[in-house]
Protein backbone atom coordinates (compact mmCIF):
# COMPACT_ATOMS: atom_id res chain seq x y z
CA MET A 1 42.42 -28.00 380.73
CA LYS A 2 43.62 -27.15 377.21
CA LYS A 3 41.42 -24.65 375.42
CA GLU A 4 39.87 -25.57 372.07
CA GLU A 5 41.46 -24.21 368.90
CA ILE A 6 38.92 -21.86 367.36
CA LYS A 7 40.22 -22.23 363.77
CA SER A 8 38.99 -25.84 363.70
CA PHE A 9 35.34 -24.72 363.76
CA ASN A 10 33.48 -24.07 360.51
CA LEU A 11 31.28 -20.98 360.18
CA GLU A 12 28.09 -22.78 361.20
CA GLU A 13 29.72 -24.18 364.34
CA LEU A 14 31.18 -20.76 365.16
CA GLY A 15 27.69 -19.24 364.84
CA GLN A 16 26.36 -21.76 367.37
CA ILE A 17 29.19 -20.88 369.76
CA PHE A 18 28.33 -17.18 369.49
CA GLU A 19 24.67 -17.88 370.22
CA THR A 20 25.63 -19.70 373.43
CA LEU A 21 27.76 -16.67 374.36
CA GLY A 22 24.68 -14.45 373.90
CA GLU A 23 26.23 -12.72 370.90
CA LYS A 24 24.67 -11.77 367.57
CA LYS A 25 25.37 -14.42 364.92
CA PHE A 26 26.86 -11.94 362.41
CA ARG A 27 29.75 -11.42 364.82
CA SER A 28 30.82 -15.01 364.13
CA LYS A 29 31.37 -14.14 360.46
CA GLN A 30 33.60 -11.22 361.46
CA VAL A 31 35.74 -13.46 363.65
CA TYR A 32 35.77 -16.21 360.99
CA GLU A 33 37.12 -13.74 358.43
CA TRP A 34 39.83 -12.59 360.85
CA LEU A 35 40.90 -16.20 361.31
CA HIS A 36 40.70 -17.49 357.75
CA LYS A 37 41.01 -14.45 355.46
CA LYS A 38 43.33 -12.22 357.44
CA GLY A 39 45.27 -14.95 359.28
CA ALA A 40 44.91 -13.43 362.75
CA VAL A 41 47.08 -15.15 365.36
CA SER A 42 45.49 -13.43 368.39
CA PHE A 43 42.05 -12.14 369.37
CA ASP A 44 43.58 -8.71 370.04
CA GLU A 45 44.11 -8.25 366.29
CA MET A 46 40.33 -8.29 365.73
CA THR A 47 39.85 -4.53 365.88
CA ASN A 48 36.20 -4.48 364.76
CA VAL A 49 35.22 -6.92 367.53
CA SER A 50 34.39 -5.54 370.98
CA LYS A 51 36.90 -5.97 373.77
CA ASP A 52 34.24 -7.74 375.85
CA LEU A 53 33.69 -10.38 373.12
CA ARG A 54 37.43 -10.83 372.59
CA GLU A 55 37.81 -11.51 376.31
CA LYS A 56 34.94 -14.01 376.24
CA LEU A 57 36.53 -15.85 373.35
CA SER A 58 40.01 -15.92 374.88
CA GLU A 59 38.63 -17.40 378.12
CA ALA A 60 37.33 -20.52 376.34
CA TYR A 61 39.27 -20.71 373.07
CA GLU A 62 42.70 -20.04 371.65
CA ILE A 63 44.45 -19.44 368.35
CA ARG A 64 47.53 -21.62 368.11
CA PRO A 65 49.85 -20.48 365.33
CA VAL A 66 52.60 -22.68 363.99
CA ILE A 67 56.05 -21.29 364.81
CA MET A 68 58.76 -21.32 362.16
CA ILE A 69 61.86 -23.15 363.43
CA ASP A 70 63.74 -23.21 360.15
CA LYS A 71 63.35 -22.17 356.53
CA ILE A 72 65.55 -23.30 353.64
CA THR A 73 65.22 -21.86 350.14
CA SER A 74 66.52 -23.62 347.04
CA LYS A 75 69.34 -22.03 345.07
CA THR A 76 68.01 -23.57 341.85
CA ASP A 77 64.37 -22.42 342.04
CA GLU A 78 62.09 -20.54 344.41
CA THR A 79 61.09 -23.57 346.46
CA SER A 80 61.20 -23.02 350.23
CA LYS A 81 60.91 -25.67 352.91
CA PHE A 82 59.58 -24.73 356.33
CA LEU A 83 60.03 -26.55 359.62
CA PHE A 84 57.19 -25.57 361.95
CA GLY A 85 56.84 -26.12 365.69
CA LEU A 86 53.42 -26.95 367.17
CA TRP A 87 51.95 -26.06 370.58
CA ASP A 88 53.04 -29.40 372.12
CA GLY A 89 56.64 -29.30 370.89
CA LYS A 90 56.03 -31.57 367.88
CA VAL A 91 57.45 -30.50 364.53
CA ILE A 92 56.10 -30.71 360.99
CA GLU A 93 57.24 -29.49 357.59
CA SER A 94 55.63 -27.70 354.67
CA VAL A 95 56.86 -26.64 351.25
CA LEU A 96 56.17 -23.49 349.22
CA MET A 97 56.57 -23.92 345.45
CA LYS A 98 56.34 -20.91 343.17
CA TYR A 99 55.01 -21.38 339.65
CA LYS A 100 53.99 -18.97 336.90
CA HIS A 101 50.34 -19.87 337.52
CA GLY A 102 50.58 -19.14 341.28
CA ASN A 103 51.96 -20.31 344.58
CA SER A 104 51.43 -23.90 345.70
CA VAL A 105 51.87 -25.17 349.26
CA CYS A 106 52.42 -28.80 350.19
CA ILE A 107 51.28 -29.43 353.77
CA SER A 108 51.54 -32.23 356.32
CA SER A 109 48.43 -33.98 357.68
CA GLN A 110 50.08 -35.89 360.55
CA VAL A 111 53.13 -35.69 362.79
CA GLY A 112 55.03 -38.63 361.35
CA CYS A 113 53.37 -41.50 359.48
CA ARG A 114 52.63 -45.17 360.14
CA MET A 115 52.28 -46.35 356.55
CA GLY A 116 55.88 -47.57 356.31
CA CYS A 117 56.53 -46.92 352.60
CA ASN A 118 60.10 -48.08 352.09
CA PHE A 119 61.36 -45.15 350.02
CA CYS A 120 59.91 -42.36 352.19
CA ALA A 121 61.60 -40.44 355.02
CA SER A 122 58.26 -39.40 356.58
CA THR A 123 57.61 -42.83 358.02
CA LEU A 124 61.01 -43.54 359.61
CA GLY A 125 59.99 -42.38 363.10
CA GLY A 126 56.44 -43.76 362.95
CA LEU A 127 53.24 -41.87 363.69
CA GLU A 128 53.16 -39.47 366.63
CA ARG A 129 49.70 -37.93 366.22
CA ASN A 130 47.11 -36.53 363.81
CA LEU A 131 46.95 -32.85 362.97
CA GLU A 132 43.78 -30.91 363.74
CA PRO A 133 42.11 -28.96 360.89
CA ALA A 134 43.46 -25.76 362.47
CA GLU A 135 47.04 -27.08 362.33
CA MET A 136 46.68 -27.98 358.68
CA LEU A 137 45.25 -24.55 357.88
CA ALA A 138 47.89 -22.76 359.97
CA GLN A 139 50.68 -24.08 357.73
CA ILE A 140 49.11 -22.26 354.76
CA TYR A 141 48.28 -19.07 356.67
CA GLU A 142 51.78 -18.79 358.13
CA ILE A 143 53.45 -19.34 354.76
CA GLN A 144 51.25 -16.60 353.32
CA ARG A 145 52.21 -14.29 356.18
CA ILE A 146 55.95 -15.01 355.81
CA SER A 147 55.99 -14.75 352.01
CA GLY A 148 53.54 -11.86 351.76
CA GLU A 149 51.92 -13.68 348.83
CA ARG A 150 48.63 -15.51 348.41
CA VAL A 151 48.55 -19.29 348.04
CA SER A 152 46.39 -20.47 345.15
CA ASN A 153 46.97 -24.24 345.22
CA VAL A 154 47.22 -26.65 348.16
CA VAL A 155 48.59 -30.19 348.06
CA VAL A 156 48.05 -32.51 351.03
CA MET A 157 51.06 -34.60 350.16
CA GLY A 158 53.54 -33.83 352.93
CA THR A 159 54.22 -35.95 356.01
CA GLY A 160 51.41 -38.31 356.95
CA GLU A 161 48.66 -40.32 355.26
CA PRO A 162 45.67 -37.94 354.90
CA PHE A 163 43.12 -40.78 354.89
CA ASP A 164 44.51 -41.94 358.24
CA ASN A 165 43.23 -38.57 359.54
CA PHE A 166 40.08 -38.58 357.45
CA ASP A 167 37.57 -36.56 359.50
CA ASN A 168 40.05 -33.76 360.16
CA LEU A 169 41.04 -33.78 356.48
CA CYS A 170 37.42 -33.30 355.38
CA LYS A 171 36.89 -30.45 357.84
CA PHE A 172 40.10 -28.85 356.55
CA ILE A 173 38.92 -29.07 352.91
CA GLU A 174 35.54 -27.54 353.76
CA ILE A 175 37.03 -24.61 355.70
CA LEU A 176 39.79 -23.98 353.15
CA SER A 177 37.32 -23.84 350.25
CA ASP A 178 34.66 -21.84 352.14
CA GLU A 179 33.88 -18.55 350.33
CA ASN A 180 33.87 -16.80 353.71
CA GLY A 181 37.45 -17.89 354.38
CA LEU A 182 40.52 -18.23 352.17
CA ASN A 183 38.19 -19.48 349.42
CA ILE A 184 40.60 -21.75 347.59
CA SER A 185 38.67 -23.62 344.91
CA GLN A 186 38.35 -27.34 345.60
CA ARG A 187 39.67 -27.87 342.07
CA ASN A 188 42.94 -26.35 343.32
CA ILE A 189 43.23 -28.81 346.22
CA THR A 190 44.99 -32.16 345.76
CA VAL A 191 44.93 -34.95 348.33
CA SER A 192 47.31 -37.89 348.07
CA THR A 193 46.70 -41.34 349.57
CA CYS A 194 48.68 -44.57 349.52
CA GLY A 195 45.40 -46.33 348.78
CA ILE A 196 43.19 -46.86 351.83
CA VAL A 197 40.30 -48.27 349.83
CA PRO A 198 37.29 -47.71 352.16
CA LYS A 199 38.18 -44.02 352.47
CA ILE A 200 38.32 -43.61 348.67
CA TYR A 201 34.65 -44.67 348.60
CA GLU A 202 33.82 -42.41 351.53
CA LEU A 203 35.51 -39.43 349.89
CA ALA A 204 33.74 -40.15 346.60
CA ASP A 205 30.35 -40.03 348.34
CA LYS A 206 31.14 -36.52 349.63
CA GLN A 207 31.46 -35.42 345.99
CA TYR A 208 34.14 -32.83 346.63
CA GLN A 209 35.70 -31.40 343.47
CA ILE A 210 39.28 -31.94 344.64
CA THR A 211 41.95 -33.90 342.77
CA LEU A 212 42.60 -37.34 344.25
CA ALA A 213 46.15 -38.61 343.80
CA ILE A 214 46.86 -42.29 344.40
CA SER A 215 50.42 -43.21 345.39
CA LEU A 216 50.60 -46.29 343.19
CA HIS A 217 54.36 -46.74 342.56
CA ALA A 218 53.97 -50.22 341.04
CA PRO A 219 52.04 -51.93 338.21
CA ASN A 220 51.36 -55.13 340.20
CA ASP A 221 50.90 -56.33 343.76
CA LYS A 222 54.22 -58.17 343.96
CA ILE A 223 56.32 -55.03 343.40
CA ARG A 224 53.93 -52.86 345.40
CA LYS A 225 54.23 -55.12 348.46
CA GLU A 226 58.01 -54.68 348.31
CA LEU A 227 57.64 -50.89 348.36
CA MET A 228 54.47 -50.30 350.40
CA PRO A 229 53.19 -52.34 353.37
CA VAL A 230 49.62 -51.10 352.73
CA ALA A 231 49.64 -53.33 349.62
CA ASN A 232 49.33 -56.34 351.94
CA LYS A 233 45.87 -55.07 352.93
CA TYR A 234 44.51 -53.59 349.71
CA SER A 235 45.24 -55.04 346.29
CA ILE A 236 45.72 -52.96 343.14
CA ASP A 237 42.48 -54.44 341.75
CA GLU A 238 40.60 -53.15 344.81
CA ILE A 239 42.19 -49.71 344.40
CA MET A 240 41.26 -49.56 340.69
CA LYS A 241 37.67 -50.51 341.46
CA ALA A 242 37.49 -47.75 344.07
CA CYS A 243 39.03 -45.27 341.61
CA ARG A 244 36.35 -46.04 339.02
CA TYR A 245 33.70 -45.44 341.67
CA TYR A 246 35.38 -42.14 342.59
CA PHE A 247 35.32 -40.95 338.97
CA ASP A 248 31.69 -42.05 338.49
CA LYS A 249 30.67 -40.08 341.60
CA THR A 250 32.72 -36.92 341.09
CA GLY A 251 33.63 -36.72 337.40
CA ARG A 252 37.14 -35.78 338.52
CA ARG A 253 40.16 -37.16 336.68
CA LEU A 254 42.44 -39.22 338.92
CA THR A 255 46.19 -38.83 339.30
CA PHE A 256 48.49 -41.79 339.89
CA GLU A 257 51.83 -41.01 341.51
CA TYR A 258 54.61 -43.34 340.39
CA SER A 259 58.04 -42.99 342.02
CA LEU A 260 60.68 -44.63 339.84
CA CYS A 261 63.23 -46.70 341.77
CA GLU A 262 66.18 -47.99 339.80
CA GLY A 263 65.86 -51.70 339.00
CA VAL A 264 62.64 -52.11 340.99
CA ASN A 265 59.71 -50.64 339.05
CA ASP A 266 61.30 -48.79 336.11
CA LYS A 267 61.63 -51.51 333.48
CA GLU A 268 60.01 -51.48 330.03
CA GLU A 269 57.74 -54.36 331.08
CA ASN A 270 56.59 -52.34 334.09
CA ALA A 271 55.57 -49.44 331.83
CA LYS A 272 53.58 -51.79 329.56
CA GLU A 273 51.85 -53.40 332.55
CA LEU A 274 51.03 -49.98 333.99
CA SER A 275 49.53 -48.93 330.64
CA LYS A 276 47.18 -51.93 330.66
CA LEU A 277 46.22 -51.28 334.27
CA VAL A 278 44.97 -47.72 333.78
CA ARG A 279 44.04 -47.52 330.10
CA ASP A 280 40.25 -47.50 330.70
CA LEU A 281 40.46 -44.81 333.41
CA ASN A 282 40.29 -41.04 332.99
CA CYS A 283 43.63 -40.44 334.66
CA HIS A 284 47.00 -38.77 334.61
CA ILE A 285 50.25 -40.45 335.63
CA ASN A 286 52.86 -38.40 337.42
CA LEU A 287 56.31 -40.01 337.10
CA ILE A 288 58.54 -39.06 340.02
CA PRO A 289 62.31 -39.60 340.13
CA VAL A 290 62.64 -41.05 343.64
CA ASN A 291 64.43 -38.90 346.21
CA PRO A 292 67.15 -41.15 347.72
CA ILE A 293 67.33 -41.18 351.53
CA LYS A 294 70.34 -42.49 353.41
CA GLU A 295 68.27 -44.95 355.50
CA ARG A 296 67.12 -46.82 352.37
CA ASN A 297 68.99 -48.19 349.36
CA TYR A 298 66.59 -47.09 346.60
CA ARG A 299 68.32 -45.15 343.85
CA HIS A 300 67.22 -42.51 341.38
CA THR A 301 66.38 -43.94 337.93
CA ASP A 302 68.49 -42.40 335.17
CA MET A 303 66.58 -39.70 333.28
CA SER A 304 67.04 -41.48 329.94
CA TYR A 305 65.17 -44.52 331.34
CA ILE A 306 62.46 -42.26 332.77
CA GLN A 307 61.97 -40.76 329.31
CA LYS A 308 61.69 -44.27 327.80
CA PHE A 309 59.15 -45.23 330.47
CA LYS A 310 57.14 -42.10 329.65
CA LEU A 311 57.27 -42.79 325.91
CA ILE A 312 55.78 -46.28 326.38
CA LEU A 313 52.88 -44.80 328.36
CA GLU A 314 52.32 -42.12 325.73
CA LYS A 315 52.29 -44.70 322.93
CA ASN A 316 49.48 -46.40 324.85
CA ARG A 317 47.62 -43.05 324.97
CA ILE A 318 48.15 -42.53 328.68
CA ASN A 319 48.33 -38.92 329.86
CA VAL A 320 51.72 -38.67 331.60
CA THR A 321 54.21 -36.10 332.87
CA ILE A 322 57.52 -36.26 334.67
CA ARG A 323 57.33 -34.26 337.87
CA ARG A 324 59.64 -31.30 337.76
CA GLU A 325 62.19 -31.75 340.52
CA MET A 326 61.90 -28.74 342.80
CA GLY A 327 64.02 -28.08 345.85
CA SER A 328 66.22 -31.14 345.37
CA ASP A 329 69.18 -29.23 346.83
CA ILE A 330 67.25 -28.55 350.08
CA ASP A 331 65.92 -32.07 350.77
CA ALA A 332 62.41 -30.97 349.77
CA ALA A 333 61.03 -34.52 349.72
CA CYS A 334 58.61 -35.50 352.47
CA GLY A 335 60.11 -35.88 355.91
CA GLN A 336 63.75 -35.16 355.13
CA LEU A 337 64.12 -31.80 356.91
CA ARG A 338 62.09 -32.96 359.92
CA LYS A 339 64.17 -36.14 360.20
CA LYS A 340 67.39 -34.13 360.11
CA TYR A 341 66.09 -31.81 362.86
CA MET A 342 64.89 -34.69 365.06
CA ASP A 343 68.29 -36.39 364.74
CA THR A 344 70.00 -33.25 366.09
CA ILE A 345 67.79 -32.95 369.19
CA ASN A 346 67.63 -36.64 370.13
């Protein structure tokens, strides 16, 4: 029988485990710090924990690190893309982006994705399985170990739909922001969703202080249905209503991700319609030049048109930025490196 992964337990749960092992509860905090502050990948590293306790733990639990299969670093900036292998042979990818204000890591929440967004490489092979909280955390810890630098911001915007793995996502957020662990402020954690409406309400009720990013990509349902199958289930009106509820509950400004596809959603009329849609919301719009993938025919909007689109939003007093393209020379968009690797082994 497969042992349980000990990194997926929060401190309270770990304390209960130690009590059942007949151990003093404070020992659980020592082990928790080894796992989440020091990034230990084996019980043997825990030098201030008795050998007897380490043996007890290793009999029932394990620490499963992610194994780096490949790493590509951009020649134009300091962005690095990592391909990681998991315990069962599955592969995922993560991205390290270096900014003046600190290091940001974009992690995956699933192996593959079932959302089917037409411009995204992550979804081409479908969903294989959810990631456990430990596997989400391990991406960050391993990147810290490899780079020798602390991560200060985490974006759950890699492969997978985080709300399709909701319970594990919430556990991940709580452990990541725990002051006894890596202690990354919830304000420095961003979670992106394609708009699974019931989960927006559920997340709002938890009142985390994270940033919620909605992958909107269209100003109306007609265009959105062309780009994103999830639009057939949840309308933009339903998403906006949920977003207002989220802001009322948390006080956190929302982000709307908008990938510009040439001739599809980048017209002047689209910018005006988008302005009307969000004008009464405390929000920020992130315009993203779409990353073309060979399996789809969506093309990158010319930068002059992107600037015009941005100007229309600004004239309507919408807070907007154009996402800085990082790692474009290394296929840093979601799913591209993993897809390339899977094609070579299949």
